[in-house]
Amino acid sequence: MNNEQIIATIKEFMIDEFEVDEEKITPDANLKSTLGLDSLDYIDLVVVIESNFKFKVKPEDFIGIITYQDFCNYVISRVNVKELV
């Protein structure tokens, strides 16, 4: 899976699963204040990530993930590491 496919998958589940307005999804969009994710959404987000990208997420992985771009970069890095193994 290349980076563009990963980003497209993330965008798709943000719209479908979390009902985020597509026009709000920009690289610098804050996950909480702009996209409206709350603490329960983060739990659901972990489940969606693990089922879509087949890697385990640790709670501490989310430290420092503030924007949509931070989140995409995190998933891309984890998928790339997983594919190298």
PDB file of N, CA and C in Angstrom:
ATOM      1  N   MET A   1       0.850  -1.173   0.000  1.00  0.00           N
ATOM      2  CA  MET A   1       0.000   0.000   0.000  1.00  0.00           C
ATOM      3  C   MET A   1       0.899   1.241   0.000  1.00  0.00           C
ATOM      4  N   ASN A   2       0.698   2.124  -0.993  1.00  0.00           N
ATOM      5  CA  ASN A   2       1.534   3.323  -1.044  1.00  0.00           C
ATOM      6  C   ASN A   2       0.919   4.455  -0.208  1.00  0.00           C
ATOM      7  N   ASN A   3       1.672   5.535  -0.070  1.00  0.00           N
ATOM      8  CA  ASN A   3       1.246   6.633   0.802  1.00  0.00           C
ATOM      9  C   ASN A   3      -0.084   7.244   0.374  1.00  0.00           C
ATOM     10  N   GLU A   4      -0.289   7.389  -0.938  1.00  0.00           N
ATOM     11  CA  GLU A   4      -1.537   7.965  -1.423  1.00  0.00           C
ATOM     12  C   GLU A   4      -2.726   7.070  -1.076  1.00  0.00           C
ATOM     13  N   GLN A   5      -2.549   5.762  -1.178  1.00  0.00           N
ATOM     14  CA  GLN A   5      -3.624   4.827  -0.823  1.00  0.00           C
ATOM     15  C   GLN A   5      -3.919   4.884   0.676  1.00  0.00           C
ATOM     16  N   ILE A   6      -2.881   5.001   1.480  1.00  0.00           N
ATOM     17  CA  ILE A   6      -3.063   5.106   2.932  1.00  0.00           C
ATOM     18  C   ILE A   6      -3.855   6.362   3.271  1.00  0.00           C
ATOM     19  N   ILE A   7      -3.469   7.491   2.691  1.00  0.00           N
ATOM     20  CA  ILE A   7      -4.155   8.756   2.956  1.00  0.00           C
ATOM     21  C   ILE A   7      -5.602   8.698   2.478  1.00  0.00           C
ATOM     22  N   ALA A   8      -5.838   8.098   1.321  1.00  0.00           N
ATOM     23  CA  ALA A   8      -7.211   7.966   0.807  1.00  0.00           C
ATOM     24  C   ALA A   8      -8.057   7.097   1.738  1.00  0.00           C
ATOM     25  N   THR A   9      -7.475   6.023   2.259  1.00  0.00           N
ATOM     26  CA  THR A   9      -8.189   5.148   3.198  1.00  0.00           C
ATOM     27  C   THR A   9      -8.515   5.892   4.483  1.00  0.00           C
ATOM     28  N   ILE A  10      -7.557   6.644   4.998  1.00  0.00           N
ATOM     29  CA  ILE A  10      -7.775   7.422   6.219  1.00  0.00           C
ATOM     30  C   ILE A  10      -8.900   8.433   5.996  1.00  0.00           C
ATOM     31  N   LYS A  11      -8.838   9.153   4.893  1.00  0.00           N
ATOM     32  CA  LYS A  11      -9.857  10.157   4.602  1.00  0.00           C
ATOM     33  C   LYS A  11     -11.235   9.504   4.507  1.00  0.00           C
ATOM     34  N   GLU A  12     -11.294   8.364   3.842  1.00  0.00           N
ATOM     35  CA  GLU A  12     -12.561   7.653   3.672  1.00  0.00           C
ATOM     36  C   GLU A  12     -13.169   7.260   5.014  1.00  0.00           C
ATOM     37  N   PHE A  13     -12.357   6.682   5.917  1.00  0.00           N
ATOM     38  CA  PHE A  13     -12.954   6.286   7.195  1.00  0.00           C
ATOM     39  C   PHE A  13     -13.219   7.480   8.112  1.00  0.00           C
ATOM     40  N   MET A  14     -12.496   8.572   7.939  1.00  0.00           N
ATOM     41  CA  MET A  14     -12.816   9.772   8.724  1.00  0.00           C
ATOM     42  C   MET A  14     -14.210  10.291   8.332  1.00  0.00           C
ATOM     43  N   ILE A  15     -14.522  10.235   7.050  1.00  0.00           N
ATOM     44  CA  ILE A  15     -15.820  10.699   6.555  1.00  0.00           C
ATOM     45  C   ILE A  15     -16.918   9.698   6.920  1.00  0.00           C
ATOM     46  N   ASP A  16     -16.676   8.424   6.645  1.00  0.00           N
ATOM     47  CA  ASP A  16     -17.713   7.394   6.838  1.00  0.00           C
ATOM     48  C   ASP A  16     -17.939   7.030   8.304  1.00  0.00           C
ATOM     49  N   GLU A  17     -16.879   6.779   9.030  1.00  0.00           N
ATOM     50  CA  GLU A  17     -17.000   6.282  10.402  1.00  0.00           C
ATOM     51  C   GLU A  17     -17.191   7.399  11.437  1.00  0.00           C
ATOM     52  N   PHE A  18     -16.580   8.550  11.183  1.00  0.00           N
ATOM     53  CA  PHE A  18     -16.592   9.621  12.178  1.00  0.00           C
ATOM     54  C   PHE A  18     -17.400  10.843  11.734  1.00  0.00           C
ATOM     55  N   GLU A  19     -18.023  10.734  10.554  1.00  0.00           N
ATOM     56  CA  GLU A  19     -18.905  11.772  10.025  1.00  0.00           C
ATOM     57  C   GLU A  19     -18.240  13.148   9.979  1.00  0.00           C
ATOM     58  N   VAL A  20     -16.967  13.160   9.597  1.00  0.00           N
ATOM     59  CA  VAL A  20     -16.235  14.410   9.447  1.00  0.00           C
ATOM     60  C   VAL A  20     -16.570  14.983   8.068  1.00  0.00           C
ATOM     61  N   ASP A  21     -16.856  16.282   8.018  1.00  0.00           N
ATOM     62  CA  ASP A  21     -17.105  16.938   6.739  1.00  0.00           C
ATOM     63  C   ASP A  21     -15.828  16.923   5.913  1.00  0.00           C
ATOM     64  N   GLU A  22     -15.954  16.470   4.666  1.00  0.00           N
ATOM     65  CA  GLU A  22     -14.775  16.323   3.807  1.00  0.00           C
ATOM     66  C   GLU A  22     -13.997  17.629   3.663  1.00  0.00           C
ATOM     67  N   GLU A  23     -14.695  18.753   3.571  1.00  0.00           N
ATOM     68  CA  GLU A  23     -13.997  20.032   3.379  1.00  0.00           C
ATOM     69  C   GLU A  23     -13.196  20.462   4.605  1.00  0.00           C
ATOM     70  N   LYS A  24     -13.463  19.867   5.759  1.00  0.00           N
ATOM     71  CA  LYS A  24     -12.693  20.175   6.962  1.00  0.00           C
ATOM     72  C   LYS A  24     -11.385  19.392   7.033  1.00  0.00           C
ATOM     73  N   ILE A  25     -11.264  18.349   6.213  1.00  0.00           N
ATOM     74  CA  ILE A  25     -10.072  17.504   6.254  1.00  0.00           C
ATOM     75  C   ILE A  25      -8.958  18.154   5.441  1.00  0.00           C
ATOM     76  N   THR A  26      -8.076  18.822   6.172  1.00  0.00           N
ATOM     77  CA  THR A  26      -6.898  19.457   5.581  1.00  0.00           C
ATOM     78  C   THR A  26      -5.693  19.008   6.402  1.00  0.00           C
ATOM     79  N   PRO A  27      -4.495  19.106   5.841  1.00  0.00           N
ATOM     80  CA  PRO A  27      -3.316  18.641   6.588  1.00  0.00           C
ATOM     81  C   PRO A  27      -3.174  19.268   7.973  1.00  0.00           C
ATOM     82  N   ASP A  28      -3.500  20.553   8.113  1.00  0.00           N
ATOM     83  CA  ASP A  28      -3.305  21.216   9.404  1.00  0.00           C
ATOM     84  C   ASP A  28      -4.545  21.195  10.293  1.00  0.00           C
ATOM     85  N   ALA A  29      -5.583  20.448   9.911  1.00  0.00           N
ATOM     86  CA  ALA A  29      -6.806  20.363  10.715  1.00  0.00           C
ATOM     87  C   ALA A  29      -6.518  19.666  12.042  1.00  0.00           C
ATOM     88  N   ASN A  30      -6.919  20.303  13.127  1.00  0.00           N
ATOM     89  CA  ASN A  30      -6.754  19.726  14.455  1.00  0.00           C
ATOM     90  C   ASN A  30      -7.779  18.606  14.622  1.00  0.00           C
ATOM     91  N   LEU A  31      -7.322  17.429  15.066  1.00  0.00           N
ATOM     92  CA  LEU A  31      -8.221  16.275  15.190  1.00  0.00           C
ATOM     93  C   LEU A  31      -9.371  16.545  16.158  1.00  0.00           C
ATOM     94  N   LYS A  32      -9.089  17.259  17.228  1.00  0.00           N
ATOM     95  CA  LYS A  32     -10.130  17.514  18.233  1.00  0.00           C
ATOM     96  C   LYS A  32     -10.982  18.726  17.875  1.00  0.00           C
ATOM     97  N   SER A  33     -10.366  19.880  17.756  1.00  0.00           N
ATOM     98  CA  SER A  33     -11.152  21.106  17.593  1.00  0.00           C
ATOM     99  C   SER A  33     -11.734  21.274  16.189  1.00  0.00           C
ATOM    100  N   THR A  34     -10.997  20.900  15.152  1.00  0.00           N
ATOM    101  CA  THR A  34     -11.486  21.097  13.787  1.00  0.00           C
ATOM    102  C   THR A  34     -12.320  19.922  13.304  1.00  0.00           C
ATOM    103  N   LEU A  35     -11.827  18.705  13.542  1.00  0.00           N
ATOM    104  CA  LEU A  35     -12.523  17.522  13.041  1.00  0.00           C
ATOM    105  C   LEU A  35     -13.521  16.959  14.048  1.00  0.00           C
ATOM    106  N   GLY A  36     -13.489  17.459  15.268  1.00  0.00           N
ATOM    107  CA  GLY A  36     -14.502  17.108  16.250  1.00  0.00           C
ATOM    108  C   GLY A  36     -14.359  15.744  16.905  1.00  0.00           C
ATOM    109  N   LEU A  37     -13.154  15.176  16.904  1.00  0.00           N
ATOM    110  CA  LEU A  37     -12.957  13.879  17.545  1.00  0.00           C
ATOM    111  C   LEU A  37     -12.829  14.071  19.055  1.00  0.00           C
ATOM    112  N   ASP A  38     -13.496  13.197  19.810  1.00  0.00           N
ATOM    113  CA  ASP A  38     -13.368  13.239  21.261  1.00  0.00           C
ATOM    114  C   ASP A  38     -12.666  11.970  21.746  1.00  0.00           C
ATOM    115  N   SER A  39     -12.565  11.810  23.058  1.00  0.00           N
ATOM    116  CA  SER A  39     -11.812  10.678  23.604  1.00  0.00           C
ATOM    117  C   SER A  39     -12.415   9.338  23.195  1.00  0.00           C
ATOM    118  N   LEU A  40     -13.724   9.244  23.102  1.00  0.00           N
ATOM    119  CA  LEU A  40     -14.340   7.987  22.648  1.00  0.00           C
ATOM    120  C   LEU A  40     -14.040   7.727  21.177  1.00  0.00           C
ATOM    121  N   ASP A  41     -13.989   8.791  20.374  1.00  0.00           N
ATOM    122  CA  ASP A  41     -13.628   8.638  18.967  1.00  0.00           C
ATOM    123  C   ASP A  41     -12.211   8.106  18.815  1.00  0.00           C
ATOM    124  N   TYR A  42     -11.316   8.521  19.708  1.00  0.00           N
ATOM    125  CA  TYR A  42      -9.938   8.029  19.647  1.00  0.00           C
ATOM    126  C   TYR A  42      -9.888   6.518  19.870  1.00  0.00           C
ATOM    127  N   ILE A  43     -10.734   6.023  20.759  1.00  0.00           N
ATOM    128  CA  ILE A  43     -10.795   4.573  20.984  1.00  0.00           C
ATOM    129  C   ILE A  43     -11.281   3.880  19.720  1.00  0.00           C
ATOM    130  N   ASP A  44     -12.337   4.428  19.117  1.00  0.00           N
ATOM    131  CA  ASP A  44     -12.842   3.866  17.864  1.00  0.00           C
ATOM    132  C   ASP A  44     -11.799   3.974  16.750  1.00  0.00           C
ATOM    133  N   LEU A  45     -11.054   5.059  16.764  1.00  0.00           N
ATOM    134  CA  LEU A  45     -10.015   5.276  15.760  1.00  0.00           C
ATOM    135  C   LEU A  45      -8.948   4.182  15.830  1.00  0.00           C
ATOM    136  N   VAL A  46      -8.586   3.795  17.035  1.00  0.00           N
ATOM    137  CA  VAL A  46      -7.614   2.706  17.213  1.00  0.00           C
ATOM    138  C   VAL A  46      -8.144   1.420  16.581  1.00  0.00           C
ATOM    139  N   VAL A  47      -9.411   1.122  16.818  1.00  0.00           N
ATOM    140  CA  VAL A  47     -10.019  -0.092  16.257  1.00  0.00           C
ATOM    141  C   VAL A  47     -10.018  -0.027  14.731  1.00  0.00           C
ATOM    142  N   VAL A  48     -10.381   1.114  14.178  1.00  0.00           N
ATOM    143  CA  VAL A  48     -10.423   1.281  12.722  1.00  0.00           C
ATOM    144  C   VAL A  48      -9.021   1.155  12.125  1.00  0.00           C
ATOM    145  N   ILE A  49      -8.041   1.764  12.768  1.00  0.00           N
ATOM    146  CA  ILE A  49      -6.653   1.671  12.285  1.00  0.00           C
ATOM    147  C   ILE A  49      -6.200   0.218  12.281  1.00  0.00           C
ATOM    148  N   GLU A  50      -6.415  -0.462  13.402  1.00  0.00           N
ATOM    149  CA  GLU A  50      -5.948  -1.847  13.515  1.00  0.00           C
ATOM    150  C   GLU A  50      -6.626  -2.756  12.498  1.00  0.00           C
ATOM    151  N   SER A  51      -7.908  -2.529  12.224  1.00  0.00           N
ATOM    152  CA  SER A  51      -8.598  -3.394  11.263  1.00  0.00           C
ATOM    153  C   SER A  51      -8.242  -3.050   9.817  1.00  0.00           C
ATOM    154  N   ASN A  52      -8.001  -1.782   9.524  1.00  0.00           N
ATOM    155  CA  ASN A  52      -7.674  -1.378   8.153  1.00  0.00           C
ATOM    156  C   ASN A  52      -6.213  -1.596   7.786  1.00  0.00           C
ATOM    157  N   PHE A  53      -5.324  -1.371   8.747  1.00  0.00           N
ATOM    158  CA  PHE A  53      -3.893  -1.382   8.430  1.00  0.00           C
ATOM    159  C   PHE A  53      -3.126  -2.523   9.084  1.00  0.00           C
ATOM    160  N   LYS A  54      -3.799  -3.318   9.896  1.00  0.00           N
ATOM    161  CA  LYS A  54      -3.237  -4.556  10.460  1.00  0.00           C
ATOM    162  C   LYS A  54      -1.973  -4.346  11.293  1.00  0.00           C
ATOM    163  N   PHE A  55      -1.986  -3.329  12.152  1.00  0.00           N
ATOM    164  CA  PHE A  55      -0.927  -3.193  13.147  1.00  0.00           C
ATOM    165  C   PHE A  55      -1.556  -2.736  14.455  1.00  0.00           C
ATOM    166  N   LYS A  56      -0.891  -3.040  15.551  1.00  0.00           N
ATOM    167  CA  LYS A  56      -1.376  -2.694  16.877  1.00  0.00           C
ATOM    168  C   LYS A  56      -0.980  -1.258  17.222  1.00  0.00           C
ATOM    169  N   VAL A  57      -1.905  -0.554  17.825  1.00  0.00           N
ATOM    170  CA  VAL A  57      -1.671   0.823  18.247  1.00  0.00           C
ATOM    171  C   VAL A  57      -1.558   0.850  19.762  1.00  0.00           C
ATOM    172  N   LYS A  58      -0.528   1.526  20.255  1.00  0.00           N
ATOM    173  CA  LYS A  58      -0.367   1.710  21.698  1.00  0.00           C
ATOM    174  C   LYS A  58      -0.851   3.114  22.045  1.00  0.00           C
ATOM    175  N   PRO A  59      -1.480   3.290  23.206  1.00  0.00           N
ATOM    176  CA  PRO A  59      -1.978   4.626  23.580  1.00  0.00           C
ATOM    177  C   PRO A  59      -0.900   5.705  23.509  1.00  0.00           C
ATOM    178  N   GLU A  60       0.308   5.360  23.892  1.00  0.00           N
ATOM    179  CA  GLU A  60       1.381   6.367  23.868  1.00  0.00           C
ATOM    180  C   GLU A  60       1.749   6.809  22.457  1.00  0.00           C
ATOM    181  N   ASP A  61       1.342   6.025  21.443  1.00  0.00           N
ATOM    182  CA  ASP A  61       1.597   6.411  20.053  1.00  0.00           C
ATOM    183  C   ASP A  61       0.887   7.716  19.692  1.00  0.00           C
ATOM    184  N   PHE A  62      -0.198   8.016  20.394  1.00  0.00           N
ATOM    185  CA  PHE A  62      -0.979   9.204  20.061  1.00  0.00           C
ATOM    186  C   PHE A  62      -0.444  10.480  20.695  1.00  0.00           C
ATOM    187  N   ILE A  63       0.553  10.360  21.551  1.00  0.00           N
ATOM    188  CA  ILE A  63       1.165  11.558  22.138  1.00  0.00           C
ATOM    189  C   ILE A  63       1.839  12.326  21.000  1.00  0.00           C
ATOM    190  N   GLY A  64       1.505  13.560  20.863  1.00  0.00           N
ATOM    191  CA  GLY A  64       2.092  14.387  19.814  1.00  0.00           C
ATOM    192  C   GLY A  64       1.314  14.390  18.512  1.00  0.00           C
ATOM    193  N   ILE A  65       0.288  13.552  18.396  1.00  0.00           N
ATOM    194  CA  ILE A  65      -0.539  13.564  17.189  1.00  0.00           C
ATOM    195  C   ILE A  65      -1.662  14.573  17.430  1.00  0.00           C
ATOM    196  N   ILE A  66      -1.550  15.696  16.751  1.00  0.00           N
ATOM    197  CA  ILE A  66      -2.502  16.778  16.954  1.00  0.00           C
ATOM    198  C   ILE A  66      -3.299  17.063  15.681  1.00  0.00           C
ATOM    199  N   THR A  67      -2.610  17.076  14.552  1.00  0.00           N
ATOM    200  CA  THR A  67      -3.272  17.418  13.290  1.00  0.00           C
ATOM    201  C   THR A  67      -3.549  16.180  12.437  1.00  0.00           C
ATOM    202  N   TYR A  68      -4.363  16.384  11.443  1.00  0.00           N
ATOM    203  CA  TYR A  68      -4.664  15.318  10.483  1.00  0.00           C
ATOM    204  C   TYR A  68      -3.362  14.823   9.828  1.00  0.00           C
ATOM    205  N   GLN A  69      -2.465  15.755   9.496  1.00  0.00           N
ATOM    206  CA  GLN A  69      -1.192  15.366   8.881  1.00  0.00           C
ATOM    207  C   GLN A  69      -0.341  14.544   9.849  1.00  0.00           C
ATOM    208  N   ASP A  70      -0.318  14.919  11.116  1.00  0.00           N
ATOM    209  CA  ASP A  70       0.405  14.126  12.124  1.00  0.00           C
ATOM    210  C   ASP A  70      -0.125  12.697  12.130  1.00  0.00           C
ATOM    211  N   PHE A  71      -1.446  12.576  12.096  1.00  0.00           N
ATOM    212  CA  PHE A  71      -2.086  11.265  12.119  1.00  0.00           C
ATOM    213  C   PHE A  71      -1.727  10.454  10.871  1.00  0.00           C
ATOM    214  N   CYS A  72      -1.816  11.088   9.702  1.00  0.00           N
ATOM    215  CA  CYS A  72      -1.455  10.396   8.453  1.00  0.00           C
ATOM    216  C   CYS A  72       0.009   9.959   8.481  1.00  0.00           C
ATOM    217  N   ASN A  73       0.886  10.840   8.939  1.00  0.00           N
ATOM    218  CA  ASN A  73       2.312  10.505   9.016  1.00  0.00           C
ATOM    219  C   ASN A  73       2.550   9.312   9.938  1.00  0.00           C
ATOM    220  N   TYR A  74       1.829   9.276  11.054  1.00  0.00           N
ATOM    221  CA  TYR A  74       1.951   8.160  11.993  1.00  0.00           C
ATOM    222  C   TYR A  74       1.560   6.855  11.320  1.00  0.00           C
ATOM    223  N   VAL A  75       0.388   6.840  10.681  1.00  0.00           N
ATOM    224  CA  VAL A  75      -0.089   5.601  10.038  1.00  0.00           C
ATOM    225  C   VAL A  75       0.865   5.188   8.924  1.00  0.00           C
ATOM    226  N   ILE A  76       1.292   6.135   8.102  1.00  0.00           N
ATOM    227  CA  ILE A  76       2.227   5.830   7.004  1.00  0.00           C
ATOM    228  C   ILE A  76       3.510   5.220   7.554  1.00  0.00           C
ATOM    229  N   SER A  77       4.049   5.820   8.613  1.00  0.00           N
ATOM    230  CA  SER A  77       5.308   5.291   9.160  1.00  0.00           C
ATOM    231  C   SER A  77       5.125   3.885   9.709  1.00  0.00           C
ATOM    232  N   ARG A  78       4.008   3.634  10.383  1.00  0.00           N
ATOM    233  CA  ARG A  78       3.761   2.297  10.932  1.00  0.00           C
ATOM    234  C   ARG A  78       3.534   1.261   9.830  1.00  0.00           C
ATOM    235  N   VAL A  79       2.808   1.635   8.794  1.00  0.00           N
ATOM    236  CA  VAL A  79       2.571   0.703   7.679  1.00  0.00           C
ATOM    237  C   VAL A  79       3.885   0.405   6.971  1.00  0.00           C
ATOM    238  N   ASN A  80       4.701   1.441   6.740  1.00  0.00           N
ATOM    239  CA  ASN A  80       5.986   1.238   6.064  1.00  0.00           C
ATOM    240  C   ASN A  80       6.918   0.359   6.874  1.00  0.00           C
ATOM    241  N   VAL A  81       6.950   0.543   8.187  1.00  0.00           N
ATOM    242  CA  VAL A  81       7.792  -0.300   9.057  1.00  0.00           C
ATOM    243  C   VAL A  81       7.297  -1.732   9.028  1.00  0.00           C
ATOM    244  N   LYS A  82       5.981  -1.906   9.100  1.00  0.00           N
ATOM    245  CA  LYS A  82       5.391  -3.241   9.086  1.00  0.00           C
ATOM    246  C   LYS A  82       5.715  -3.954   7.772  1.00  0.00           C
ATOM    247  N   GLU A  83       5.674  -3.228   6.659  1.00  0.00           N
ATOM    248  CA  GLU A  83       5.941  -3.844   5.363  1.00  0.00           C
ATOM    249  C   GLU A  83       7.414  -4.191   5.175  1.00  0.00           C
ATOM    250  N   LEU A  84       8.289  -3.525   5.909  1.00  0.00           N
ATOM    251  CA  LEU A  84       9.718  -3.828   5.811  1.00  0.00           C
ATOM    252  C   LEU A  84      10.077  -5.105   6.556  1.00  0.00           C
ATOM    253  N   VAL A  85       9.262  -5.463   7.531  1.00  0.00           N
ATOM    254  CA  VAL A  85       9.568  -6.626   8.371  1.00  0.00           C
ATOM    255  C   VAL A  85       9.228  -7.904   7.649  1.00  0.00           C
TER     256      VAL A  85
END
